[in-house]
Amino acid sequence: MMVTARAMVRKELHQISRDRRTLLILVFVPALFLLLYGYALNFDIKDIRLAVDDQDGSTASRELVSSFTNSGYFTFAGAAHDGRALEWMIDTGDARAALVIPAGYGRDLDNRVPARVQVIVDGDNANTASAVVGYAGAIVAAAGAELVAQSVSGGAGRAPGPLVNLETRVWYNPQLRSALFLVPGLIAYITMITAVISTSLAVVREKERGTMEQIRMAPVSPLAFVIGKTIPYSVIAFVSAVLIVLVSMALFGLPQRGPWWLLFLLIGLFLVGAQGQGLLISTLAQNQQVAFQLALLSSFLPTFILSGFIFPITSMPAAVQAVTHVVPARYFVAALRAVVLKGTSVEVVWPQMGALVIFATVMLGLASLRLQREWK
């Protein structure tokens, strides 16, 4: 028996060595996933984009800004000279937090009068917001302690309390409820998987049943075939996605602060792209089992890990951040949180909408080209 087993081992190794596709799957794909997701799976919060509204313009206020930007946690995102500009930067995602230093800050410190500063935090991601509040509190406390030490060493005596007091405000999610940032990501996650998988089986089912040849003989163009396959699944997936949103609002208290038509438009754009991806997979696969695996692999992991659903994209390495630009859920999650939690208008989310339109166009175009090849 051992002789037969050794012979089978040699035969299988020889066959695997000749099958480059199997070798690629067994060796390259796990290594790629290890590198990609090993760097992406990171709960550390860093490189937080910080807007600054310095109304004082003194040396002391500039030193406080430097304490934030040199801490290793914050990066300077730009100056906001009024509340409207600050709100715009946070709504568009250009800044995750804002430091507001009121006029008279430096004068109060010179007079050893406790000065107040304010940090505004975008609460659409509760984990990131909690970390930002903690970082800001530690930085302001350290800056205040240094000022007290300088005051004592200068012979002015110990101040009666901290010289710098921090006031923290969390916008859009004051209670820092995890559900309010997890549910929009779950909506994208569930919608993406169901749309891609359901559509990826459409063309393959025709191949397995042998009806693909009959369709080719019929007066139907590849584009008309793609549209005809997409619309029924789009309607079903759209209704399912809307039901998910309504159930989330009823069970988890998810608000809807933006216009409903914009929410529906975002869902529609995302679904068209996801179903285009599913149709492309169905043109590549030869059976439903392979189509299902490809659909699950291309939708499950990227949507869960590389969309900003759980892990902040800004904390990922630059190479992994570049990969996230081809993940449609990245744009959908950001736009969905902006519309649902912040009540933003189309002026804020149009870049995400444009990215979803491009993704849908590319996926549907590639699926049509693949079908045109098979049509001939």
Protein backbone atom coordinates (compact mmCIF):
# COMPACT_ATOMS: atom_id res chain seq x y z
CA MET A 1 0.00 0.00 0.00
CA MET A 2 2.85 2.40 0.81
CA VAL A 3 4.41 1.78 -2.59
CA THR A 4 1.11 2.65 -4.28
CA ALA A 5 0.70 5.76 -2.13
CA ARG A 6 4.25 6.95 -2.98
CA ALA A 7 3.53 6.44 -6.65
CA MET A 8 0.37 8.47 -6.37
CA VAL A 9 2.26 11.23 -4.52
CA ARG A 10 4.91 11.39 -7.29
CA LYS A 11 2.20 11.45 -9.95
CA GLU A 12 0.28 14.23 -8.22
CA LEU A 13 3.39 16.34 -7.64
CA HIS A 14 4.35 15.94 -11.28
CA GLN A 15 0.85 16.93 -12.39
CA ILE A 16 0.79 19.97 -10.10
CA SER A 17 4.21 21.09 -11.36
CA ARG A 18 2.86 21.05 -14.91
CA ASP A 19 -0.35 22.86 -13.95
CA ARG A 20 0.78 26.45 -13.49
CA ARG A 21 -2.73 27.62 -12.69
CA THR A 22 -2.96 25.31 -9.69
CA LEU A 23 0.49 26.35 -8.50
CA LEU A 24 -0.54 30.00 -8.77
CA ILE A 25 -3.65 29.41 -6.69
CA LEU A 26 -1.83 27.35 -4.05
CA VAL A 27 1.21 29.59 -3.63
CA PHE A 28 0.62 33.10 -4.93
CA VAL A 29 -2.96 33.78 -3.84
CA PRO A 30 -2.45 32.95 -0.11
CA ALA A 31 0.72 35.04 -0.06
CA LEU A 32 -1.09 37.94 -1.71
CA PHE A 33 -3.94 37.76 0.79
CA LEU A 34 -1.49 37.61 3.69
CA LEU A 35 0.32 40.75 2.53
CA LEU A 36 -2.80 42.65 1.52
CA TYR A 37 -5.03 41.92 4.49
CA GLY A 38 -2.19 41.65 6.99
CA TYR A 39 -1.46 45.32 6.42
CA ALA A 40 -5.12 46.30 6.03
CA LEU A 41 -6.31 44.69 9.29
CA ASN A 42 -5.23 47.48 11.56
CA PHE A 43 -7.23 48.95 14.43
CA ASP A 44 -4.62 51.65 15.11
CA ILE A 45 -5.97 55.13 14.48
CA LYS A 46 -3.40 57.48 13.01
CA ASP A 47 -3.00 60.19 10.36
CA ILE A 48 -6.25 61.81 11.51
CA ARG A 49 -6.95 64.80 9.26
CA LEU A 50 -7.24 67.88 11.46
CA ALA A 51 -8.75 71.21 10.42
CA VAL A 52 -7.63 74.22 12.43
CA ASP A 53 -9.61 77.37 13.19
CA ASP A 54 -7.04 79.54 14.94
CA GLN A 55 -8.90 82.72 15.87
CA ASP A 56 -6.09 83.90 18.14
CA GLY A 57 -3.02 83.74 15.88
CA SER A 58 -0.63 84.03 18.81
CA THR A 59 2.59 82.16 19.49
CA ALA A 60 0.82 80.08 22.13
CA SER A 61 -1.94 79.04 19.73
CA ARG A 62 0.60 78.03 17.08
CA GLU A 63 2.45 75.97 19.66
CA LEU A 64 -0.77 74.15 20.52
CA VAL A 65 -1.40 73.40 16.84
CA SER A 66 2.14 72.06 16.59
CA SER A 67 1.51 69.83 19.59
CA PHE A 68 -1.34 68.21 17.64
CA THR A 69 0.41 67.88 14.29
CA ASN A 70 3.69 66.65 15.82
CA SER A 71 2.01 64.05 18.01
CA GLY A 72 2.03 61.38 15.31
CA TYR A 73 -1.74 61.02 15.43
CA PHE A 74 -2.91 64.11 13.54
CA THR A 75 -2.04 65.57 10.15
CA PHE A 76 -2.85 69.13 9.17
CA ALA A 77 -5.80 69.12 6.75
CA GLY A 78 -6.15 72.86 6.27
CA ALA A 79 -7.21 76.07 7.93
CA ALA A 80 -10.89 76.86 8.43
CA HIS A 81 -11.51 80.54 9.02
CA ASP A 82 -15.19 80.26 9.90
CA GLY A 83 -17.74 77.73 11.07
CA ARG A 84 -19.15 77.16 7.59
CA ALA A 85 -15.77 76.21 6.12
CA LEU A 86 -15.08 73.96 9.09
CA GLU A 87 -18.43 72.19 8.66
CA TRP A 88 -17.78 71.71 4.94
CA MET A 89 -14.38 70.12 5.58
CA ILE A 90 -15.89 67.65 8.04
CA ASP A 91 -18.92 66.86 5.86
CA THR A 92 -16.78 66.15 2.79
CA GLY A 93 -14.33 64.02 4.75
CA ASP A 94 -11.42 66.42 4.19
CA ALA A 95 -11.09 66.52 7.99
CA ARG A 96 -12.04 64.03 10.67
CA ALA A 97 -11.61 66.53 13.48
CA ALA A 98 -11.23 70.27 14.00
CA LEU A 99 -9.30 72.29 16.56
CA VAL A 100 -10.90 75.64 17.40
CA ILE A 101 -8.74 78.12 19.34
CA PRO A 102 -10.73 81.21 20.40
CA ALA A 103 -9.43 84.76 20.34
CA GLY A 104 -7.66 85.74 23.54
CA TYR A 105 -6.16 82.28 24.10
CA GLY A 106 -2.58 83.58 24.31
CA ARG A 107 -3.57 86.56 26.45
CA ASP A 108 -5.31 84.31 28.96
CA LEU A 109 -2.23 82.11 29.27
CA ASP A 110 0.02 85.14 29.76
CA ASN A 111 -2.26 86.25 32.59
CA ARG A 112 -2.31 82.70 34.02
CA VAL A 113 -6.05 82.56 33.43
CA PRO A 114 -7.37 79.13 32.34
CA ALA A 115 -7.92 79.18 28.57
CA ARG A 116 -10.43 77.04 26.69
CA VAL A 117 -10.03 75.28 23.35
CA GLN A 118 -12.52 73.17 21.48
CA VAL A 119 -12.11 69.97 19.47
CA ILE A 120 -14.92 68.97 17.11
CA VAL A 121 -14.97 65.33 16.05
CA ASP A 122 -16.80 63.66 13.17
CA GLY A 123 -18.82 60.94 14.91
CA ASP A 124 -19.85 58.90 11.85
CA ASN A 125 -17.20 56.35 12.87
CA ALA A 126 -17.59 55.75 16.60
CA ASN A 127 -14.28 53.90 17.01
CA THR A 128 -12.27 56.62 15.30
CA ALA A 129 -14.16 59.36 17.15
CA SER A 130 -13.47 57.74 20.54
CA ALA A 131 -9.77 57.52 19.71
CA VAL A 132 -9.69 61.15 18.55
CA VAL A 133 -11.31 62.32 21.78
CA GLY A 134 -8.73 60.39 23.79
CA TYR A 135 -5.78 61.67 21.74
CA ALA A 136 -6.98 65.28 21.93
CA GLY A 137 -7.48 65.07 25.69
CA ALA A 138 -3.98 63.68 26.21
CA ILE A 139 -2.34 66.30 23.98
CA VAL A 140 -4.15 69.22 25.62
CA ALA A 141 -3.38 67.85 29.10
CA ALA A 142 0.30 67.52 28.21
CA ALA A 143 0.38 71.05 26.79
CA GLY A 144 -1.32 72.42 29.90
CA ALA A 145 1.10 70.59 32.21
CA GLU A 146 4.05 72.02 30.29
CA LEU A 147 2.67 75.53 30.65
CA VAL A 148 2.20 75.01 34.39
CA ALA A 149 5.79 73.76 34.70
CA GLN A 150 7.07 76.79 32.80
CA SER A 151 5.02 79.05 35.06
CA VAL A 152 6.49 77.46 38.19
CA SER A 153 10.06 77.56 36.89
CA GLY A 154 9.59 81.23 35.98
CA GLY A 155 8.77 82.03 39.59
CA ALA A 156 5.09 82.79 39.00
CA GLY A 157 3.94 80.07 41.38
CA ARG A 158 1.69 77.13 40.72
CA ALA A 159 -1.55 77.84 38.89
CA PRO A 160 -4.73 77.01 40.82
CA GLY A 161 -5.81 74.55 38.10
CA PRO A 162 -5.06 73.44 34.55
CA LEU A 163 -4.18 76.33 32.28
CA VAL A 164 -5.79 74.75 29.20
CA ASN A 165 -9.29 73.28 29.34
CA LEU A 166 -10.62 71.16 26.51
CA GLU A 167 -14.21 71.17 25.34
CA THR A 168 -15.05 68.24 23.07
CA ARG A 169 -18.02 68.08 20.74
CA VAL A 170 -18.93 65.00 18.69
CA TRP A 171 -21.03 65.77 15.64
CA TYR A 172 -23.66 63.46 14.09
CA ASN A 173 -23.28 60.76 16.76
CA PRO A 174 -22.92 62.44 20.17
CA GLN A 175 -23.49 59.21 22.10
CA LEU A 176 -20.82 57.44 19.99
CA ARG A 177 -23.19 54.57 19.28
CA SER A 178 -21.39 51.86 17.32
CA ALA A 179 -24.60 50.87 15.55
CA LEU A 180 -24.82 54.22 13.77
CA PHE A 181 -21.55 53.64 11.93
CA LEU A 182 -21.74 49.84 11.65
CA VAL A 183 -25.22 49.65 10.12
CA PRO A 184 -24.41 51.68 6.95
CA GLY A 185 -21.41 49.42 6.39
CA LEU A 186 -23.56 46.34 6.93
CA ILE A 187 -26.04 47.64 4.37
CA ALA A 188 -23.24 47.95 1.80
CA TYR A 189 -21.81 44.57 2.79
CA ILE A 190 -25.10 42.66 2.51
CA THR A 191 -26.19 44.45 -0.66
CA MET A 192 -22.85 43.88 -2.41
CA ILE A 193 -22.69 40.18 -1.68
CA THR A 194 -26.30 39.41 -2.61
CA ALA A 195 -26.20 41.50 -5.81
CA VAL A 196 -22.92 40.06 -7.09
CA ILE A 197 -23.73 36.45 -6.26
CA SER A 198 -27.27 36.51 -7.66
CA THR A 199 -26.19 38.10 -10.93
CA SER A 200 -23.01 36.05 -11.34
CA LEU A 201 -25.12 32.91 -11.69
CA ALA A 202 -27.33 34.37 -14.43
CA VAL A 203 -25.25 33.72 -17.57
CA VAL A 204 -23.64 30.56 -16.16
CA ARG A 205 -27.09 29.08 -15.60
CA GLU A 206 -27.82 29.56 -19.30
CA LYS A 207 -24.56 27.80 -20.18
CA GLU A 208 -25.25 24.82 -17.94
CA ARG A 209 -28.79 24.42 -19.23
CA GLY A 210 -27.65 24.59 -22.83
CA THR A 211 -29.92 27.51 -23.68
CA MET A 212 -27.04 29.89 -24.43
CA GLU A 213 -26.82 28.67 -28.02
CA GLN A 214 -30.53 29.37 -28.55
CA ILE A 215 -30.08 32.91 -27.20
CA ARG A 216 -27.18 33.49 -29.59
CA MET A 217 -29.33 32.47 -32.53
CA ALA A 218 -32.10 34.85 -31.46
CA PRO A 219 -32.07 38.50 -32.64
CA VAL A 220 -30.64 39.70 -29.32
CA SER A 221 -27.48 41.82 -29.06
CA PRO A 222 -24.99 41.29 -26.23
CA LEU A 223 -25.85 44.71 -24.76
CA ALA A 224 -29.58 43.94 -24.81
CA PHE A 225 -28.84 40.59 -23.20
CA VAL A 226 -26.83 42.29 -20.42
CA ILE A 227 -29.55 44.88 -19.83
CA GLY A 228 -32.25 42.22 -19.82
CA LYS A 229 -30.33 40.14 -17.32
CA THR A 230 -29.56 43.13 -15.09
CA ILE A 231 -32.94 44.86 -14.77
CA PRO A 232 -34.89 42.05 -13.02
CA TYR A 233 -32.13 41.44 -10.49
CA SER A 234 -31.71 45.22 -10.05
CA VAL A 235 -35.36 45.63 -9.11
CA ILE A 236 -35.24 42.73 -6.64
CA ALA A 237 -31.94 43.86 -5.12
CA PHE A 238 -33.14 47.48 -4.88
CA VAL A 239 -36.29 46.47 -3.02
CA SER A 240 -34.20 44.25 -0.73
CA ALA A 241 -31.72 47.07 -0.03
CA VAL A 242 -34.51 49.55 0.78
CA LEU A 243 -36.07 47.02 3.13
CA ILE A 244 -32.70 46.59 4.86
CA VAL A 245 -32.48 50.37 5.34
CA LEU A 246 -36.03 50.59 6.72
CA VAL A 247 -35.48 47.67 9.10
CA SER A 248 -32.22 49.24 10.28
CA MET A 249 -34.07 52.47 11.04
CA ALA A 250 -36.77 50.64 12.94
CA LEU A 251 -34.54 48.29 14.95
CA PHE A 252 -31.28 50.19 15.40
CA GLY A 253 -32.46 53.79 15.32
CA LEU A 254 -30.57 54.64 12.14
CA PRO A 255 -31.53 58.21 11.20
CA GLN A 256 -32.23 59.56 7.74
CA ARG A 257 -31.12 63.18 7.80
CA GLY A 258 -30.57 63.61 4.07
CA PRO A 259 -33.00 63.56 1.15
CA TRP A 260 -34.60 60.20 0.41
CA TRP A 261 -34.18 60.57 -3.35
CA LEU A 262 -30.42 60.88 -2.91
CA LEU A 263 -30.35 57.76 -0.73
CA PHE A 264 -32.27 55.79 -3.37
CA LEU A 265 -30.02 57.11 -6.14
CA LEU A 266 -26.90 55.99 -4.27
CA ILE A 267 -28.35 52.53 -3.71
CA GLY A 268 -29.28 52.27 -7.39
CA LEU A 269 -25.82 53.29 -8.62
CA PHE A 270 -24.13 50.87 -6.24
CA LEU A 271 -26.40 48.01 -7.28
CA VAL A 272 -25.82 48.55 -11.00
CA GLY A 273 -22.07 48.38 -10.49
CA ALA A 274 -22.32 45.30 -8.26
CA GLN A 275 -24.50 43.51 -10.79
CA GLY A 276 -22.17 44.49 -13.60
CA GLN A 277 -19.40 42.83 -11.63
CA GLY A 278 -21.57 39.75 -11.20
CA LEU A 279 -22.31 39.59 -14.94
CA LEU A 280 -18.60 39.89 -15.74
CA ILE A 281 -17.88 36.97 -13.41
CA SER A 282 -20.63 34.94 -15.03
CA THR A 283 -19.01 35.42 -18.46
CA LEU A 284 -15.67 34.19 -17.11
CA ALA A 285 -16.90 31.12 -15.19
CA GLN A 286 -18.01 27.88 -16.82
CA ASN A 287 -20.22 26.56 -14.04
CA GLN A 288 -22.22 27.92 -11.13
CA GLN A 289 -19.84 26.58 -8.49
CA VAL A 290 -16.88 28.53 -9.89
CA ALA A 291 -19.06 31.62 -10.40
CA PHE A 292 -20.22 31.47 -6.79
CA GLN A 293 -16.67 31.18 -5.49
CA LEU A 294 -15.40 34.05 -7.64
CA ALA A 295 -18.35 36.23 -6.65
CA LEU A 296 -17.85 35.53 -2.96
CA LEU A 297 -14.10 36.12 -3.17
CA SER A 298 -14.39 39.40 -5.08
CA SER A 299 -17.19 40.86 -2.95
CA PHE A 300 -16.89 39.44 0.58
CA LEU A 301 -13.30 40.27 1.54
CA PRO A 302 -12.86 43.63 -0.26
CA THR A 303 -16.16 44.98 1.04
CA PHE A 304 -15.50 43.85 4.60
CA ILE A 305 -11.85 44.87 4.87
CA LEU A 306 -10.98 47.48 2.23
CA SER A 307 -14.07 49.70 2.24
CA GLY A 308 -13.58 51.53 5.54
CA PHE A 309 -16.50 49.55 6.95
CA ILE A 310 -14.50 48.31 9.94
CA PHE A 311 -10.88 49.33 9.47
CA PRO A 312 -10.03 53.01 8.80
CA ILE A 313 -8.47 53.45 5.36
CA THR A 314 -6.18 56.27 6.51
CA SER A 315 -4.42 53.85 8.87
CA MET A 316 -3.52 51.46 6.04
CA PRO A 317 -0.20 51.62 4.15
CA ALA A 318 -0.16 53.74 0.99
CA ALA A 319 -0.06 50.68 -1.28
CA VAL A 320 -3.16 49.17 0.35
CA GLN A 321 -4.92 52.55 0.26
CA ALA A 322 -4.32 52.61 -3.50
CA VAL A 323 -6.01 49.21 -3.82
CA THR A 324 -9.10 50.49 -1.98
CA HIS A 325 -9.79 52.94 -4.82
CA VAL A 326 -11.10 50.07 -6.98
CA VAL A 327 -13.46 48.83 -4.26
CA PRO A 328 -16.92 50.33 -4.94
CA ALA A 329 -18.09 49.77 -1.36
CA ARG A 330 -15.51 52.36 -0.25
CA TYR A 331 -17.44 55.11 -2.02
CA PHE A 332 -20.87 53.74 -1.16
CA VAL A 333 -20.15 53.46 2.57
CA ALA A 334 -18.74 57.00 2.71
CA ALA A 335 -21.68 58.45 0.76
CA LEU A 336 -24.24 56.45 2.74
CA ARG A 337 -22.88 57.64 6.08
CA ALA A 338 -22.80 61.23 4.79
CA VAL A 339 -26.43 61.17 3.62
CA VAL A 340 -27.89 59.13 6.47
CA LEU A 341 -25.97 60.52 9.44
CA LYS A 342 -24.91 64.00 8.32
CA GLY A 343 -27.80 64.93 6.06
CA THR A 344 -25.46 66.16 3.33
CA SER A 345 -26.60 67.15 -0.16
CA VAL A 346 -25.49 65.98 -3.58
CA GLU A 347 -22.82 68.71 -3.60
CA VAL A 348 -20.92 66.78 -0.94
CA VAL A 349 -21.25 63.21 -2.24
CA TRP A 350 -20.89 63.83 -5.98
CA PRO A 351 -17.28 62.50 -6.04
CA GLN A 352 -18.48 59.18 -4.59
CA MET A 353 -21.40 59.13 -7.02
CA GLY A 354 -19.04 59.74 -9.93
CA ALA A 355 -16.82 56.86 -8.80
CA LEU A 356 -19.84 54.53 -8.61
CA VAL A 357 -20.93 55.58 -12.13
CA ILE A 358 -17.43 54.88 -13.48
CA PHE A 359 -17.31 51.48 -11.78
CA ALA A 360 -20.75 50.51 -13.12
CA THR A 361 -19.83 51.64 -16.65
CA VAL A 362 -16.58 49.68 -16.63
CA MET A 363 -18.16 46.50 -15.26
CA LEU A 364 -21.11 46.53 -17.67
CA GLY A 365 -18.81 47.42 -20.56
CA LEU A 366 -16.41 44.55 -19.82
CA ALA A 367 -19.32 42.13 -19.43
CA SER A 368 -20.70 43.22 -22.82
CA LEU A 369 -17.28 42.81 -24.49
CA ARG A 370 -16.89 39.34 -23.03
CA LEU A 371 -20.32 38.35 -24.31
CA GLN A 372 -19.57 39.76 -27.75
CA ARG A 373 -16.56 37.44 -27.96
CA GLU A 374 -18.69 34.46 -27.01
CA TRP A 375 -21.43 35.58 -29.40
CA LYS A 376 -19.13 35.19 -32.42
